[in-house]
PDB file of N, CA and C in Angstrom:
ATOM      1  N   MET A   1      67.322  77.243 140.551  1.00  0.00           N
ATOM      2  CA  MET A   1      67.556  77.930 139.352  1.00  0.00           C
ATOM      3  C   MET A   1      67.224  76.843 138.184  1.00  0.00           C
ATOM      4  N   THR A   2      66.714  77.585 137.212  1.00  0.00           N
ATOM      5  CA  THR A   2      66.126  76.725 136.033  1.00  0.00           C
ATOM      6  C   THR A   2      67.045  77.066 134.983  1.00  0.00           C
ATOM      7  N   ASP A   3      67.459  76.024 134.047  1.00  0.00           N
ATOM      8  CA  ASP A   3      68.033  76.448 132.623  1.00  0.00           C
ATOM      9  C   ASP A   3      67.082  76.884 131.729  1.00  0.00           C
ATOM     10  N   THR A   4      67.289  77.948 130.989  1.00  0.00           N
ATOM     11  CA  THR A   4      66.386  78.455 129.986  1.00  0.00           C
ATOM     12  C   THR A   4      67.161  78.565 128.821  1.00  0.00           C
ATOM     13  N   PRO A   5      66.355  78.208 127.663  1.00  0.00           N
ATOM     14  CA  PRO A   5      67.137  78.471 126.251  1.00  0.00           C
ATOM     15  C   PRO A   5      67.540  79.718 125.950  1.00  0.00           C
ATOM     16  N   THR A   6      68.742  79.916 125.390  1.00  0.00           N
ATOM     17  CA  THR A   6      69.037  81.331 124.801  1.00  0.00           C
ATOM     18  C   THR A   6      68.235  81.668 123.722  1.00  0.00           C
ATOM     19  N   GLY A   7      68.239  82.918 123.468  1.00  0.00           N
ATOM     20  CA  GLY A   7      67.472  83.652 122.474  1.00  0.00           C
ATOM     21  C   GLY A   7      67.901  83.211 120.999  1.00  0.00           C
ATOM     22  N   SER A   8      69.216  82.753 120.949  1.00  0.00           N
ATOM     23  CA  SER A   8      69.799  82.459 119.592  1.00  0.00           C
ATOM     24  C   SER A   8      69.259  80.963 119.221  1.00  0.00           C
ATOM     25  N   GLN A   9      69.057  80.186 120.030  1.00  0.00           N
ATOM     26  CA  GLN A   9      68.620  78.761 119.740  1.00  0.00           C
ATOM     27  C   GLN A   9      67.085  79.020 119.314  1.00  0.00           C
ATOM     28  N   GLY A  10      66.339  79.672 119.957  1.00  0.00           N
ATOM     29  CA  GLY A  10      64.943  79.953 119.445  1.00  0.00           C
ATOM     30  C   GLY A  10      64.837  80.520 118.141  1.00  0.00           C
ATOM     31  N   SER A  11      65.741  81.385 117.779  1.00  0.00           N
ATOM     32  CA  SER A  11      65.650  81.915 116.227  1.00  0.00           C
ATOM     33  C   SER A  11      66.035  80.880 115.356  1.00  0.00           C
ATOM     34  N   ASP A  12      66.983  80.081 115.799  1.00  0.00           N
ATOM     35  CA  ASP A  12      67.563  78.947 114.826  1.00  0.00           C
ATOM     36  C   ASP A  12      66.215  78.021 114.434  1.00  0.00           C
ATOM     37  N   LEU A  13      65.451  77.763 115.437  1.00  0.00           N
ATOM     38  CA  LEU A  13      64.368  76.867 115.298  1.00  0.00           C
ATOM     39  C   LEU A  13      63.333  77.345 114.208  1.00  0.00           C
ATOM     40  N   LYS A  14      63.176  78.711 114.384  1.00  0.00           N
ATOM     41  CA  LYS A  14      62.134  79.434 113.421  1.00  0.00           C
ATOM     42  C   LYS A  14      62.631  79.492 112.075  1.00  0.00           C
ATOM     43  N   SER A  15      63.999  79.546 111.806  1.00  0.00           N
ATOM     44  CA  SER A  15      64.445  79.498 110.544  1.00  0.00           C
ATOM     45  C   SER A  15      64.288  78.256 109.905  1.00  0.00           C
ATOM     46  N   ASP A  16      64.465  77.030 110.588  1.00  0.00           N
ATOM     47  CA  ASP A  16      64.429  75.676 110.283  1.00  0.00           C
ATOM     48  C   ASP A  16      62.959  75.361 109.755  1.00  0.00           C
ATOM     49  N   GLU A  17      61.920  76.086 110.263  1.00  0.00           N
ATOM     50  CA  GLU A  17      60.714  75.779 109.966  1.00  0.00           C
ATOM     51  C   GLU A  17      60.429  76.223 108.407  1.00  0.00           C
ATOM     52  N   ASN A  18      61.281  77.058 107.890  1.00  0.00           N
ATOM     53  CA  ASN A  18      61.070  77.497 106.503  1.00  0.00           C
ATOM     54  C   ASN A  18      61.929  76.598 105.459  1.00  0.00           C
ATOM     55  N   LYS A  19      62.595  75.641 106.018  1.00  0.00           N
ATOM     56  CA  LYS A  19      63.298  74.844 105.165  1.00  0.00           C
ATOM     57  C   LYS A  19      62.906  73.232 105.443  1.00  0.00           C
ATOM     58  N   PRO A  20      62.909  72.500 104.371  1.00  0.00           N
ATOM     59  CA  PRO A  20      62.632  71.099 104.472  1.00  0.00           C
ATOM     60  C   PRO A  20      63.913  70.364 105.299  1.00  0.00           C
ATOM     61  N   ARG A  21      63.538  69.429 106.041  1.00  0.00           N
ATOM     62  CA  ARG A  21      64.619  68.572 106.717  1.00  0.00           C
ATOM     63  C   ARG A  21      65.729  68.113 105.617  1.00  0.00           C
ATOM     64  N   SER A  22      66.879  67.901 106.126  1.00  0.00           N
ATOM     65  CA  SER A  22      67.873  67.167 105.288  1.00  0.00           C
ATOM     66  C   SER A  22      67.981  65.777 105.666  1.00  0.00           C
ATOM     67  N   LEU A  23      67.479  64.910 104.864  1.00  0.00           N
ATOM     68  CA  LEU A  23      67.601  63.430 105.307  1.00  0.00           C
ATOM     69  C   LEU A  23      68.238  62.665 104.373  1.00  0.00           C
ATOM     70  N   ARG A  24      68.974  61.573 104.864  1.00  0.00           N
ATOM     71  CA  ARG A  24      69.345  60.530 103.995  1.00  0.00           C
ATOM     72  C   ARG A  24      68.304  59.563 104.039  1.00  0.00           C
ATOM     73  N   PHE A  25      67.809  59.156 102.776  1.00  0.00           N
ATOM     74  CA  PHE A  25      66.890  58.089 102.625  1.00  0.00           C
ATOM     75  C   PHE A  25      66.956  57.544 101.144  1.00  0.00           C
ATOM     76  N   THR A  26      66.430  56.476 100.719  1.00  0.00           N
ATOM     77  CA  THR A  26      66.373  55.969  99.558  1.00  0.00           C
ATOM     78  C   THR A  26      65.413  56.541  98.479  1.00  0.00           C
ATOM     79  N   PHE A  27      66.127  57.324  97.441  1.00  0.00           N
ATOM     80  CA  PHE A  27      65.438  57.870  96.528  1.00  0.00           C
ATOM     81  C   PHE A  27      65.750  57.535  95.125  1.00  0.00           C
ATOM     82  N   ASN A  28      64.966  57.830  94.096  1.00  0.00           N
ATOM     83  CA  ASN A  28      65.500  57.578  92.744  1.00  0.00           C
ATOM     84  C   ASN A  28      64.858  58.881  91.911  1.00  0.00           C
ATOM     85  N   SER A  29      64.924  58.880  90.673  1.00  0.00           N
ATOM     86  CA  SER A  29      64.608  59.843  89.720  1.00  0.00           C
ATOM     87  C   SER A  29      63.105  60.235  89.856  1.00  0.00           C
ATOM     88  N   ASN A  30      62.493  59.255  90.066  1.00  0.00           N
ATOM     89  CA  ASN A  30      60.836  59.524  90.185  1.00  0.00           C
ATOM     90  C   ASN A  30      60.471  60.282  91.376  1.00  0.00           C
ATOM     91  N   THR A  31      61.368  60.134  92.435  1.00  0.00           N
ATOM     92  CA  THR A  31      60.919  61.029  93.762  1.00  0.00           C
ATOM     93  C   THR A  31      61.679  62.278  93.875  1.00  0.00           C
ATOM     94  N   THR A  32      62.491  62.806  93.013  1.00  0.00           N
ATOM     95  CA  THR A  32      63.348  63.858  93.048  1.00  0.00           C
ATOM     96  C   THR A  32      62.928  65.081  92.271  1.00  0.00           C
ATOM     97  N   SER A  33      63.223  66.203  92.556  1.00  0.00           N
ATOM     98  CA  SER A  33      62.754  67.402  91.755  1.00  0.00           C
ATOM     99  C   SER A  33      63.810  68.641  92.163  1.00  0.00           C
ATOM    100  N   SER A  34      63.844  69.556  91.255  1.00  0.00           N
ATOM    101  CA  SER A  34      64.751  70.623  91.443  1.00  0.00           C
ATOM    102  C   SER A  34      63.737  71.759  91.760  1.00  0.00           C
ATOM    103  N   LYS A  35      62.319  71.581  91.846  1.00  0.00           N
ATOM    104  CA  LYS A  35      61.532  72.645  91.952  1.00  0.00           C
ATOM    105  C   LYS A  35      61.575  73.065  93.488  1.00  0.00           C
ATOM    106  N   PRO A  36      61.074  74.370  93.736  1.00  0.00           N
ATOM    107  CA  PRO A  36      61.078  74.738  95.180  1.00  0.00           C
ATOM    108  C   PRO A  36      60.215  73.871  96.026  1.00  0.00           C
ATOM    109  N   PRO A  37      60.568  73.713  97.376  1.00  0.00           N
ATOM    110  CA  PRO A  37      59.805  72.717  98.073  1.00  0.00           C
ATOM    111  C   PRO A  37      58.304  73.064  98.198  1.00  0.00           C
ATOM    112  N   ASP A  38      57.861  74.213  98.302  1.00  0.00           N
ATOM    113  CA  ASP A  38      56.609  74.674  98.365  1.00  0.00           C
ATOM    114  C   ASP A  38      55.595  74.311  96.995  1.00  0.00           C
ATOM    115  N   ASP A  39      56.427  74.428  95.927  1.00  0.00           N
ATOM    116  CA  ASP A  39      55.785  73.929  94.574  1.00  0.00           C
ATOM    117  C   ASP A  39      55.459  72.470  94.631  1.00  0.00           C
ATOM    118  N   ILE A  40      56.258  71.765  95.279  1.00  0.00           N
ATOM    119  CA  ILE A  40      56.215  70.157  95.386  1.00  0.00           C
ATOM    120  C   ILE A  40      55.135  70.037  96.324  1.00  0.00           C
ATOM    121  N   VAL A  41      54.996  70.585  97.463  1.00  0.00           N
ATOM    122  CA  VAL A  41      54.023  70.368  98.295  1.00  0.00           C
ATOM    123  C   VAL A  41      52.603  70.549  97.667  1.00  0.00           C
ATOM    124  N   GLN A  42      52.573  71.685  96.795  1.00  0.00           N
ATOM    125  CA  GLN A  42      51.311  71.879  96.025  1.00  0.00           C
ATOM    126  C   GLN A  42      50.938  70.862  95.059  1.00  0.00           C
ATOM    127  N   GLU A  43      51.996  70.263  94.356  1.00  0.00           N
ATOM    128  CA  GLU A  43      51.751  69.235  93.448  1.00  0.00           C
ATOM    129  C   GLU A  43      51.197  68.000  94.138  1.00  0.00           C
ATOM    130  N   VAL A  44      51.684  67.538  95.339  1.00  0.00           N
ATOM    131  CA  VAL A  44      51.297  66.523  96.079  1.00  0.00           C
ATOM    132  C   VAL A  44      49.924  66.806  96.625  1.00  0.00           C
ATOM    133  N   ILE A  45      49.442  67.815  96.828  1.00  0.00           N
ATOM    134  CA  ILE A  45      48.045  68.234  97.353  1.00  0.00           C
ATOM    135  C   ILE A  45      47.289  67.993  96.105  1.00  0.00           C
ATOM    136  N   ASN A  46      47.644  68.588  94.982  1.00  0.00           N
ATOM    137  CA  ASN A  46      46.767  68.534  93.839  1.00  0.00           C
ATOM    138  C   ASN A  46      46.484  66.960  93.430  1.00  0.00           C
ATOM    139  N   THR A  47      47.555  66.177  93.529  1.00  0.00           N
ATOM    140  CA  THR A  47      47.432  64.772  93.217  1.00  0.00           C
ATOM    141  C   THR A  47      46.554  64.027  94.242  1.00  0.00           C
ATOM    142  N   CYS A  48      46.538  64.356  95.449  1.00  0.00           N
ATOM    143  CA  CYS A  48      45.679  64.007  96.378  1.00  0.00           C
ATOM    144  C   CYS A  48      44.215  64.206  96.059  1.00  0.00           C
ATOM    145  N   THR A  49      44.029  65.356  95.727  1.00  0.00           N
ATOM    146  CA  THR A  49      42.627  65.839  95.385  1.00  0.00           C
ATOM    147  C   THR A  49      42.118  64.956  94.162  1.00  0.00           C
ATOM    148  N   MET A  50      43.050  64.834  93.233  1.00  0.00           N
ATOM    149  CA  MET A  50      42.770  64.061  92.115  1.00  0.00           C
ATOM    150  C   MET A  50      42.312  62.660  92.223  1.00  0.00           C
ATOM    151  N   HIS A  51      42.994  62.157  93.271  1.00  0.00           N
ATOM    152  CA  HIS A  51      42.590  60.746  93.446  1.00  0.00           C
ATOM    153  C   HIS A  51      41.752  60.423  94.785  1.00  0.00           C
ATOM    154  N   ASP A  52      41.182  61.472  95.153  1.00  0.00           N
ATOM    155  CA  ASP A  52      40.171  61.452  96.294  1.00  0.00           C
ATOM    156  C   ASP A  52      40.807  60.872  97.450  1.00  0.00           C
ATOM    157  N   ILE A  53      42.140  61.390  97.731  1.00  0.00           N
ATOM    158  CA  ILE A  53      42.821  61.103  99.009  1.00  0.00           C
ATOM    159  C   ILE A  53      42.736  62.205  99.963  1.00  0.00           C
ATOM    160  N   LYS A  54      42.245  61.985 101.154  1.00  0.00           N
ATOM    161  CA  LYS A  54      41.995  62.874 102.231  1.00  0.00           C
ATOM    162  C   LYS A  54      43.468  63.168 102.754  1.00  0.00           C
ATOM    163  N   TYR A  55      43.863  64.578 103.147  1.00  0.00           N
ATOM    164  CA  TYR A  55      45.041  64.986 103.380  1.00  0.00           C
ATOM    165  C   TYR A  55      44.886  66.035 104.514  1.00  0.00           C
ATOM    166  N   ARG A  56      46.007  66.149 105.240  1.00  0.00           N
ATOM    167  CA  ARG A  56      46.246  67.354 106.229  1.00  0.00           C
ATOM    168  C   ARG A  56      47.715  67.690 106.338  1.00  0.00           C
ATOM    169  N   LEU A  57      48.040  68.825 106.565  1.00  0.00           N
ATOM    170  CA  LEU A  57      49.419  69.253 106.691  1.00  0.00           C
ATOM    171  C   LEU A  57      49.668  69.539 108.030  1.00  0.00           C
ATOM    172  N   PRO A  58      50.410  68.677 108.888  1.00  0.00           N
ATOM    173  CA  PRO A  58      50.737  68.978 110.208  1.00  0.00           C
ATOM    174  C   PRO A  58      52.045  69.720 110.430  1.00  0.00           C
ATOM    175  N   SER A  59      52.635  69.964 109.244  1.00  0.00           N
ATOM    176  CA  SER A  59      53.699  70.951 109.082  1.00  0.00           C
ATOM    177  C   SER A  59      53.870  71.381 107.781  1.00  0.00           C
ATOM    178  N   ARG A  60      54.719  72.384 107.479  1.00  0.00           N
ATOM    179  CA  ARG A  60      54.833  72.909 106.203  1.00  0.00           C
ATOM    180  C   ARG A  60      55.176  71.886 105.017  1.00  0.00           C
ATOM    181  N   PHE A  61      56.125  70.968 105.483  1.00  0.00           N
ATOM    182  CA  PHE A  61      56.577  70.116 104.464  1.00  0.00           C
ATOM    183  C   PHE A  61      56.109  68.642 104.499  1.00  0.00           C
ATOM    184  N   VAL A  62      55.270  68.360 105.424  1.00  0.00           N
ATOM    185  CA  VAL A  62      54.685  66.935 105.672  1.00  0.00           C
ATOM    186  C   VAL A  62      53.351  67.015 105.356  1.00  0.00           C
ATOM    187  N   ILE A  63      52.885  65.962 104.483  1.00  0.00           N
ATOM    188  CA  ILE A  63      51.338  65.833 104.222  1.00  0.00           C
ATOM    189  C   ILE A  63      50.885  64.539 104.633  1.00  0.00           C
ATOM    190  N   GLU A  64      49.897  64.412 105.646  1.00  0.00           N
ATOM    191  CA  GLU A  64      49.346  63.117 106.045  1.00  0.00           C
ATOM    192  C   GLU A  64      48.099  62.846 105.230  1.00  0.00           C
ATOM    193  N   CYS A  65      48.350  61.694 104.675  1.00  0.00           N
ATOM    194  CA  CYS A  65      47.211  61.027 103.748  1.00  0.00           C
ATOM    195  C   CYS A  65      46.497  60.020 104.429  1.00  0.00           C
ATOM    196  N   SER A  66      45.203  59.938 103.989  1.00  0.00           N
ATOM    197  CA  SER A  66      44.428  58.649 104.502  1.00  0.00           C
ATOM    198  C   SER A  66      43.394  58.257 103.463  1.00  0.00           C
ATOM    199  N   LEU A  67      43.172  57.115 103.390  1.00  0.00           N
ATOM    200  CA  LEU A  67      42.003  56.580 102.604  1.00  0.00           C
ATOM    201  C   LEU A  67      40.883  56.047 103.406  1.00  0.00           C
ATOM    202  N   VAL A  68      39.847  55.711 102.892  1.00  0.00           N
ATOM    203  CA  VAL A  68      38.551  55.243 103.453  1.00  0.00           C
ATOM    204  C   VAL A  68      38.820  53.907 104.139  1.00  0.00           C
ATOM    205  N   ASP A  69      39.496  53.158 103.522  1.00  0.00           N
ATOM    206  CA  ASP A  69      39.829  51.729 104.028  1.00  0.00           C
ATOM    207  C   ASP A  69      40.954  51.559 105.232  1.00  0.00           C
ATOM    208  N   GLY A  70      41.262  52.797 105.724  1.00  0.00           N
ATOM    209  CA  GLY A  70      42.134  52.657 106.888  1.00  0.00           C
ATOM    210  C   GLY A  70      43.629  52.855 106.478  1.00  0.00           C
ATOM    211  N   LEU A  71      43.858  52.776 105.277  1.00  0.00           N
ATOM    212  CA  LEU A  71      45.327  53.288 104.879  1.00  0.00           C
ATOM    213  C   LEU A  71      45.794  54.748 105.243  1.00  0.00           C
ATOM    214  N   LYS A  72      46.852  54.872 106.078  1.00  0.00           N
ATOM    215  CA  LYS A  72      47.213  56.250 106.364  1.00  0.00           C
ATOM    216  C   LYS A  72      48.842  56.138 106.121  1.00  0.00           C
ATOM    217  N   PHE A  73      49.281  57.375 105.324  1.00  0.00           N
ATOM    218  CA  PHE A  73      50.636  57.382 105.201  1.00  0.00           C
ATOM    219  C   PHE A  73      51.007  59.026 104.989  1.00  0.00           C
ATOM    220  N   GLU A  74      52.325  59.207 105.159  1.00  0.00           N
ATOM    221  CA  GLU A  74      52.830  60.598 105.078  1.00  0.00           C
ATOM    222  C   GLU A  74      53.732  60.548 103.865  1.00  0.00           C
ATOM    223  N   VAL A  75      53.782  61.936 103.322  1.00  0.00           N
ATOM    224  CA  VAL A  75      54.752  62.251 102.362  1.00  0.00           C
ATOM    225  C   VAL A  75      55.267  63.592 102.823  1.00  0.00           C
ATOM    226  N   GLU A  76      56.743  63.299 102.962  1.00  0.00           N
ATOM    227  CA  GLU A  76      57.469  64.383 103.538  1.00  0.00           C
ATOM    228  C   GLU A  76      58.465  64.887 102.215  1.00  0.00           C
ATOM    229  N   ILE A  77      58.544  66.319 102.189  1.00  0.00           N
ATOM    230  CA  ILE A  77      59.447  66.885 101.056  1.00  0.00           C
ATOM    231  C   ILE A  77      60.737  67.013 101.919  1.00  0.00           C
ATOM    232  N   CYS A  78      61.830  66.497 101.495  1.00  0.00           N
ATOM    233  CA  CYS A  78      63.104  66.592 102.263  1.00  0.00           C
ATOM    234  C   CYS A  78      64.124  67.037 101.253  1.00  0.00           C
ATOM    235  N   LYS A  79      65.282  67.815 101.828  1.00  0.00           N
ATOM    236  CA  LYS A  79      66.362  68.274 101.158  1.00  0.00           C
ATOM    237  C   LYS A  79      67.297  67.181 101.119  1.00  0.00           C
ATOM    238  N   LEU A  80      67.857  66.778  99.770  1.00  0.00           N
ATOM    239  CA  LEU A  80      68.775  65.695  99.610  1.00  0.00           C
ATOM    240  C   LEU A  80      70.223  66.223 100.109  1.00  0.00           C
ATOM    241  N   PRO A  81      70.818  65.456 101.019  1.00  0.00           N
ATOM    242  CA  PRO A  81      72.186  65.978 101.295  1.00  0.00           C
ATOM    243  C   PRO A  81      73.178  65.789 100.345  1.00  0.00           C
ATOM    244  N   ARG A  82      74.059  66.832 100.287  1.00  0.00           N
ATOM    245  CA  ARG A  82      75.197  66.835  99.295  1.00  0.00           C
ATOM    246  C   ARG A  82      74.763  67.094  97.887  1.00  0.00           C
ATOM    247  N   LEU A  83      73.473  67.082  97.606  1.00  0.00           N
ATOM    248  CA  LEU A  83      72.874  67.508  96.280  1.00  0.00           C
ATOM    249  C   LEU A  83      72.195  68.886  96.272  1.00  0.00           C
ATOM    250  N   LYS A  84      72.894  69.722  95.493  1.00  0.00           N
ATOM    251  CA  LYS A  84      72.540  71.177  95.482  1.00  0.00           C
ATOM    252  C   LYS A  84      71.101  71.299  94.867  1.00  0.00           C
ATOM    253  N   ASN A  85      70.253  71.890  95.537  1.00  0.00           N
ATOM    254  CA  ASN A  85      68.950  72.279  95.003  1.00  0.00           C
ATOM    255  C   ASN A  85      67.995  71.212  94.638  1.00  0.00           C
ATOM    256  N   LEU A  86      68.284  69.955  95.075  1.00  0.00           N
ATOM    257  CA  LEU A  86      67.449  68.891  94.864  1.00  0.00           C
ATOM    258  C   LEU A  86      66.496  68.490  96.110  1.00  0.00           C
ATOM    259  N   HIS A  87      65.330  68.201  96.030  1.00  0.00           N
ATOM    260  CA  HIS A  87      64.406  67.931  96.939  1.00  0.00           C
ATOM    261  C   HIS A  87      63.884  66.572  96.562  1.00  0.00           C
ATOM    262  N   GLY A  88      63.599  65.751  97.660  1.00  0.00           N
ATOM    263  CA  GLY A  88      62.719  64.452  97.373  1.00  0.00           C
ATOM    264  C   GLY A  88      61.680  64.075  98.143  1.00  0.00           C
ATOM    265  N   LEU A  89      60.784  63.246  97.700  1.00  0.00           N
ATOM    266  CA  LEU A  89      59.725  62.799  98.403  1.00  0.00           C
ATOM    267  C   LEU A  89      59.998  61.445  99.226  1.00  0.00           C
ATOM    268  N   ARG A  90      59.727  61.658 100.593  1.00  0.00           N
ATOM    269  CA  ARG A  90      59.763  60.423 101.227  1.00  0.00           C
ATOM    270  C   ARG A  90      58.578  59.969 101.870  1.00  0.00           C
ATOM    271  N   PHE A  91      58.084  58.759 101.357  1.00  0.00           N
ATOM    272  CA  PHE A  91      56.960  58.071 101.762  1.00  0.00           C
ATOM    273  C   PHE A  91      57.042  57.307 102.877  1.00  0.00           C
ATOM    274  N   ARG A  92      56.088  57.296 103.797  1.00  0.00           N
ATOM    275  CA  ARG A  92      56.082  56.502 104.952  1.00  0.00           C
ATOM    276  C   ARG A  92      54.656  55.982 105.447  1.00  0.00           C
ATOM    277  N   ARG A  93      54.601  54.586 105.480  1.00  0.00           N
ATOM    278  CA  ARG A  93      53.204  54.097 105.708  1.00  0.00           C
ATOM    279  C   ARG A  93      53.124  54.203 107.313  1.00  0.00           C
ATOM    280  N   LEU A  94      51.908  54.771 107.775  1.00  0.00           N
ATOM    281  CA  LEU A  94      51.673  54.824 109.163  1.00  0.00           C
ATOM    282  C   LEU A  94      50.576  53.728 109.642  1.00  0.00           C
ATOM    283  N   SER A  95      49.818  53.195 108.632  1.00  0.00           N
ATOM    284  CA  SER A  95      48.833  52.073 109.113  1.00  0.00           C
ATOM    285  C   SER A  95      48.254  51.619 107.778  1.00  0.00           C
ATOM    286  N   GLY A  96      47.761  50.392 107.824  1.00  0.00           N
ATOM    287  CA  GLY A  96      46.985  49.959 106.722  1.00  0.00           C
ATOM    288  C   GLY A  96      47.862  48.906 106.035  1.00  0.00           C
ATOM    289  N   PRO A  97      47.318  48.182 105.045  1.00  0.00           N
ATOM    290  CA  PRO A  97      47.796  47.208 104.218  1.00  0.00           C
ATOM    291  C   PRO A  97      48.891  47.707 103.416  1.00  0.00           C
ATOM    292  N   ALA A  98      50.116  46.727 103.427  1.00  0.00           N
ATOM    293  CA  ALA A  98      51.221  47.274 102.681  1.00  0.00           C
ATOM    294  C   ALA A  98      51.093  47.336 101.030  1.00  0.00           C
ATOM    295  N   ASN A  99      50.347  46.250 100.630  1.00  0.00           N
ATOM    296  CA  ASN A  99      50.056  46.302  99.155  1.00  0.00           C
ATOM    297  C   ASN A  99      49.205  47.339  98.793  1.00  0.00           C
ATOM    298  N   GLU A 100      48.268  47.762  99.438  1.00  0.00           N
ATOM    299  CA  GLU A 100      47.466  48.994  99.043  1.00  0.00           C
ATOM    300  C   GLU A 100      48.344  50.141  98.983  1.00  0.00           C
ATOM    301  N   TYR A 101      49.239  50.308 100.089  1.00  0.00           N
ATOM    302  CA  TYR A 101      49.982  51.437 100.373  1.00  0.00           C
ATOM    303  C   TYR A 101      51.047  51.641  99.020  1.00  0.00           C
ATOM    304  N   LYS A 102      51.601  50.578  98.543  1.00  0.00           N
ATOM    305  CA  LYS A 102      52.521  50.458  97.523  1.00  0.00           C
ATOM    306  C   LYS A 102      51.741  50.904  96.124  1.00  0.00           C
ATOM    307  N   ASP A 103      50.532  50.360  96.026  1.00  0.00           N
ATOM    308  CA  ASP A 103      49.763  50.719  94.844  1.00  0.00           C
ATOM    309  C   ASP A 103      49.256  52.319  94.814  1.00  0.00           C
ATOM    310  N   VAL A 104      48.926  52.729  96.100  1.00  0.00           N
ATOM    311  CA  VAL A 104      48.491  54.139  96.092  1.00  0.00           C
ATOM    312  C   VAL A 104      49.930  55.053  95.750  1.00  0.00           C
ATOM    313  N   CYS A 105      51.021  54.581  96.326  1.00  0.00           N
ATOM    314  CA  CYS A 105      52.211  55.556  96.153  1.00  0.00           C
ATOM    315  C   CYS A 105      52.686  55.425  94.614  1.00  0.00           C
ATOM    316  N   GLU A 106      52.458  54.240  93.989  1.00  0.00           N
ATOM    317  CA  GLU A 106      52.906  54.134  92.621  1.00  0.00           C
ATOM    318  C   GLU A 106      51.852  55.056  91.768  1.00  0.00           C
ATOM    319  N   LYS A 107      50.607  55.012  92.065  1.00  0.00           N
ATOM    320  CA  LYS A 107      49.597  55.961  91.411  1.00  0.00           C
ATOM    321  C   LYS A 107      49.964  57.432  91.612  1.00  0.00           C
ATOM    322  N   MET A 108      50.170  57.879  92.860  1.00  0.00           N
ATOM    323  CA  MET A 108      50.436  59.137  93.063  1.00  0.00           C
ATOM    324  C   MET A 108      51.776  59.587  92.364  1.00  0.00           C
ATOM    325  N   LEU A 109      52.863  58.805  92.497  1.00  0.00           N
ATOM    326  CA  LEU A 109      54.041  58.970  91.716  1.00  0.00           C
ATOM    327  C   LEU A 109      53.838  59.282  90.226  1.00  0.00           C
ATOM    328  N   GLY A 110      52.801  58.507  89.528  1.00  0.00           N
ATOM    329  CA  GLY A 110      52.646  58.639  88.302  1.00  0.00           C
ATOM    330  C   GLY A 110      51.895  59.935  88.005  1.00  0.00           C
ATOM    331  N   SER A 111      51.257  60.555  88.915  1.00  0.00           N
ATOM    332  CA  SER A 111      50.518  61.769  88.779  1.00  0.00           C
ATOM    333  C   SER A 111      51.205  63.135  89.075  1.00  0.00           C
ATOM    334  N   VAL A 112      52.119  63.034  89.917  1.00  0.00           N
ATOM    335  CA  VAL A 112      52.859  64.206  90.476  1.00  0.00           C
ATOM    336  C   VAL A 112      53.686  64.593  89.486  1.00  0.00           C
ATOM    337  N   ALA A 113      53.755  65.813  89.080  1.00  0.00           N
ATOM    338  CA  ALA A 113      54.699  66.405  88.090  1.00  0.00           C
ATOM    339  C   ALA A 113      55.852  67.047  88.795  1.00  0.00           C
ATOM    340  N   LEU A 114      56.936  66.308  88.785  1.00  0.00           N
ATOM    341  CA  LEU A 114      58.030  66.676  89.500  1.00  0.00           C
ATOM    342  C   LEU A 114      59.005  67.215  88.316  1.00  0.00           C
TER     343      LEU A 114
END
């Protein structure tokens, strides 16, 4: 006899795809917004296009970015816990030099209209 997930669990997973994850992470006023999460995703995509950064969307609220020199990082739009209607950008370096990652993130944050 095998265990199978119940129907209610599957429906919960589908509803979670429509909302950003709620995470505790370091944030500041430059990385938070009260805009809807889909608008923030579009702002990040526009900034990537403006700065010639290649990107792909592995999920609705995660943007994987890459540069020619091997730098790869992701930007995730997250719900800030205990803060009503605030969303934040969580940057995470996947590979490449840390100093270039820092420079690119600062350049992106300067261009994103949150």
